Amino acid sequence: MSIGDLGDKAKDLAGSEKAEGISDSGIEKAKDAASEKTGGKFDEQLDKGGDAADQRLGNE
């Protein structure tokens, strides 16, 4: 297996539904933690940031 094959396999794995679920879960946990620390004051901004992060990381 060459380096290129490993790279292709990593790309496939990163684009999988399992990876999407993991990234979504991490983003939600981060948003919830930040919301709790700020008392919900910045929830709208956290939602926008979470959506932007999901678009960059996710496959949906």
N, C-alpha and C. Protein backbone atom coordinates (compact mmCIF):
# COMPACT_ATOMS: atom_id res chain seq x y z
N MET A 1 0.86 -1.18 0.00
CA MET A 1 0.00 0.00 0.00
C MET A 1 0.90 1.24 0.00
N SER A 2 0.67 2.11 -0.94
CA SER A 2 1.49 3.31 -1.06
C SER A 2 0.93 4.46 -0.21
N ILE A 3 1.70 5.51 -0.13
CA ILE A 3 1.27 6.70 0.60
C ILE A 3 -0.01 7.26 -0.01
N GLY A 4 -0.09 7.25 -1.33
CA GLY A 4 -1.29 7.75 -2.01
C GLY A 4 -2.52 6.93 -1.65
N ASP A 5 -2.34 5.60 -1.56
CA ASP A 5 -3.45 4.73 -1.18
C ASP A 5 -3.92 5.04 0.24
N LEU A 6 -2.96 5.27 1.13
CA LEU A 6 -3.33 5.62 2.52
C LEU A 6 -4.07 6.94 2.56
N GLY A 7 -3.63 7.90 1.77
CA GLY A 7 -4.32 9.19 1.71
C GLY A 7 -5.74 9.06 1.21
N ASP A 8 -5.91 8.24 0.18
CA ASP A 8 -7.26 8.02 -0.36
C ASP A 8 -8.16 7.34 0.67
N LYS A 9 -7.60 6.38 1.38
CA LYS A 9 -8.37 5.68 2.41
C LYS A 9 -8.77 6.65 3.53
N ALA A 10 -7.86 7.53 3.92
CA ALA A 10 -8.16 8.52 4.96
C ALA A 10 -9.27 9.47 4.51
N LYS A 11 -9.23 9.88 3.24
CA LYS A 11 -10.27 10.77 2.71
C LYS A 11 -11.63 10.07 2.73
N ASP A 12 -11.64 8.80 2.34
CA ASP A 12 -12.89 8.04 2.34
C ASP A 12 -13.45 7.92 3.75
N LEU A 13 -12.59 7.63 4.70
CA LEU A 13 -13.01 7.48 6.09
C LEU A 13 -13.54 8.80 6.64
N ALA A 14 -12.84 9.88 6.33
CA ALA A 14 -13.24 11.20 6.83
C ALA A 14 -14.59 11.61 6.26
N GLY A 15 -14.94 11.14 5.08
CA GLY A 15 -16.21 11.49 4.46
C GLY A 15 -17.33 10.53 4.80
N SER A 16 -17.09 9.59 5.69
CA SER A 16 -18.10 8.58 6.01
C SER A 16 -19.17 9.14 6.94
N GLU A 17 -20.26 8.42 7.01
CA GLU A 17 -21.36 8.81 7.91
C GLU A 17 -20.91 8.75 9.37
N LYS A 18 -20.08 7.78 9.70
CA LYS A 18 -19.58 7.66 11.08
C LYS A 18 -18.78 8.91 11.46
N ALA A 19 -17.91 9.35 10.55
CA ALA A 19 -17.12 10.55 10.82
C ALA A 19 -18.02 11.78 10.93
N GLU A 20 -19.07 11.83 10.11
CA GLU A 20 -20.02 12.94 10.18
C GLU A 20 -20.68 12.98 11.56
N GLY A 21 -21.08 11.83 12.06
CA GLY A 21 -21.70 11.77 13.38
C GLY A 21 -20.76 12.20 14.48
N ILE A 22 -19.50 11.79 14.38
CA ILE A 22 -18.51 12.16 15.38
C ILE A 22 -18.27 13.66 15.37
N SER A 23 -18.13 14.24 14.16
CA SER A 23 -17.89 15.68 14.09
C SER A 23 -19.10 16.46 14.59
N ASP A 24 -20.31 16.01 14.24
CA ASP A 24 -21.52 16.68 14.72
C ASP A 24 -21.60 16.64 16.24
N SER A 25 -21.28 15.49 16.81
CA SER A 25 -21.31 15.34 18.27
C SER A 25 -20.32 16.28 18.94
N GLY A 26 -19.12 16.36 18.40
CA GLY A 26 -18.10 17.24 18.97
C GLY A 26 -18.49 18.70 18.89
N ILE A 27 -19.05 19.10 17.76
CA ILE A 27 -19.49 20.48 17.59
C ILE A 27 -20.59 20.81 18.58
N GLU A 28 -21.56 19.91 18.74
CA GLU A 28 -22.66 20.14 19.68
C GLU A 28 -22.16 20.24 21.12
N LYS A 29 -21.23 19.38 21.48
CA LYS A 29 -20.67 19.43 22.84
C LYS A 29 -19.95 20.75 23.09
N ALA A 30 -19.20 21.21 22.10
CA ALA A 30 -18.50 22.48 22.24
C ALA A 30 -19.48 23.64 22.35
N LYS A 31 -20.53 23.63 21.53
CA LYS A 31 -21.54 24.69 21.61
C LYS A 31 -22.23 24.68 22.96
N ASP A 32 -22.58 23.49 23.44
CA ASP A 32 -23.26 23.39 24.74
C ASP A 32 -22.37 23.89 25.88
N ALA A 33 -21.10 23.53 25.84
CA ALA A 33 -20.17 23.97 26.89
C ALA A 33 -20.01 25.48 26.86
N ALA A 34 -19.86 26.05 25.66
CA ALA A 34 -19.72 27.51 25.56
C ALA A 34 -20.99 28.22 25.99
N SER A 35 -22.14 27.66 25.63
CA SER A 35 -23.41 28.26 26.02
C SER A 35 -23.57 28.26 27.53
N GLU A 36 -23.18 27.15 28.14
CA GLU A 36 -23.29 27.05 29.60
C GLU A 36 -22.39 28.08 30.28
N LYS A 37 -21.18 28.24 29.77
CA LYS A 37 -20.22 29.19 30.37
C LYS A 37 -20.68 30.64 30.20
N THR A 38 -21.39 30.93 29.11
CA THR A 38 -21.82 32.30 28.84
C THR A 38 -23.27 32.55 29.25
N GLY A 39 -23.88 31.57 29.87
CA GLY A 39 -25.26 31.74 30.31
C GLY A 39 -26.25 31.87 29.16
N GLY A 40 -25.90 31.35 28.00
CA GLY A 40 -26.81 31.42 26.85
C GLY A 40 -26.82 32.76 26.14
N LYS A 41 -25.98 33.67 26.60
CA LYS A 41 -25.97 35.03 26.06
C LYS A 41 -25.57 35.08 24.57
N PHE A 42 -24.75 34.12 24.13
CA PHE A 42 -24.23 34.15 22.77
C PHE A 42 -24.68 32.94 21.95
N ASP A 43 -25.84 32.39 22.27
CA ASP A 43 -26.31 31.19 21.59
C ASP A 43 -26.47 31.38 20.08
N GLU A 44 -26.94 32.53 19.65
CA GLU A 44 -27.10 32.76 18.22
C GLU A 44 -25.75 32.71 17.50
N GLN A 45 -24.74 33.35 18.08
CA GLN A 45 -23.41 33.32 17.49
C GLN A 45 -22.82 31.92 17.53
N LEU A 46 -23.07 31.19 18.61
CA LEU A 46 -22.57 29.82 18.73
C LEU A 46 -23.21 28.93 17.68
N ASP A 47 -24.50 29.13 17.42
CA ASP A 47 -25.18 28.35 16.39
C ASP A 47 -24.57 28.63 15.01
N LYS A 48 -24.32 29.89 14.72
CA LYS A 48 -23.73 30.24 13.43
C LYS A 48 -22.33 29.65 13.30
N GLY A 49 -21.54 29.74 14.36
CA GLY A 49 -20.20 29.17 14.33
C GLY A 49 -20.23 27.66 14.21
N GLY A 50 -21.16 27.02 14.91
CA GLY A 50 -21.30 25.57 14.82
C GLY A 50 -21.70 25.13 13.43
N ASP A 51 -22.60 25.89 12.80
CA ASP A 51 -23.02 25.56 11.44
C ASP A 51 -21.85 25.70 10.46
N ALA A 52 -21.06 26.76 10.64
CA ALA A 52 -19.90 26.97 9.77
C ALA A 52 -18.88 25.85 9.96
N ALA A 53 -18.64 25.45 11.19
CA ALA A 53 -17.70 24.36 11.46
C ALA A 53 -18.21 23.06 10.85
N ASP A 54 -19.49 22.81 10.95
CA ASP A 54 -20.06 21.58 10.39
C ASP A 54 -19.92 21.56 8.87
N GLN A 55 -20.10 22.69 8.24
CA GLN A 55 -19.95 22.76 6.79
C GLN A 55 -18.51 22.47 6.37
N ARG A 56 -17.56 22.94 7.16
CA ARG A 56 -16.15 22.71 6.83
C ARG A 56 -15.72 21.29 7.10
N LEU A 57 -16.24 20.70 8.19
CA LEU A 57 -15.81 19.37 8.61
C LEU A 57 -16.68 18.26 8.09
N GLY A 58 -17.96 18.51 7.98
CA GLY A 58 -18.90 17.45 7.66
C GLY A 58 -19.04 17.18 6.18
N ASN A 59 -19.81 16.15 5.89
CA ASN A 59 -20.05 15.82 4.49
C ASN A 59 -21.49 16.07 4.10
N GLU A 60 -22.25 16.72 4.96
CA GLU A 60 -23.64 17.05 4.65
C GLU A 60 -23.82 18.55 4.74
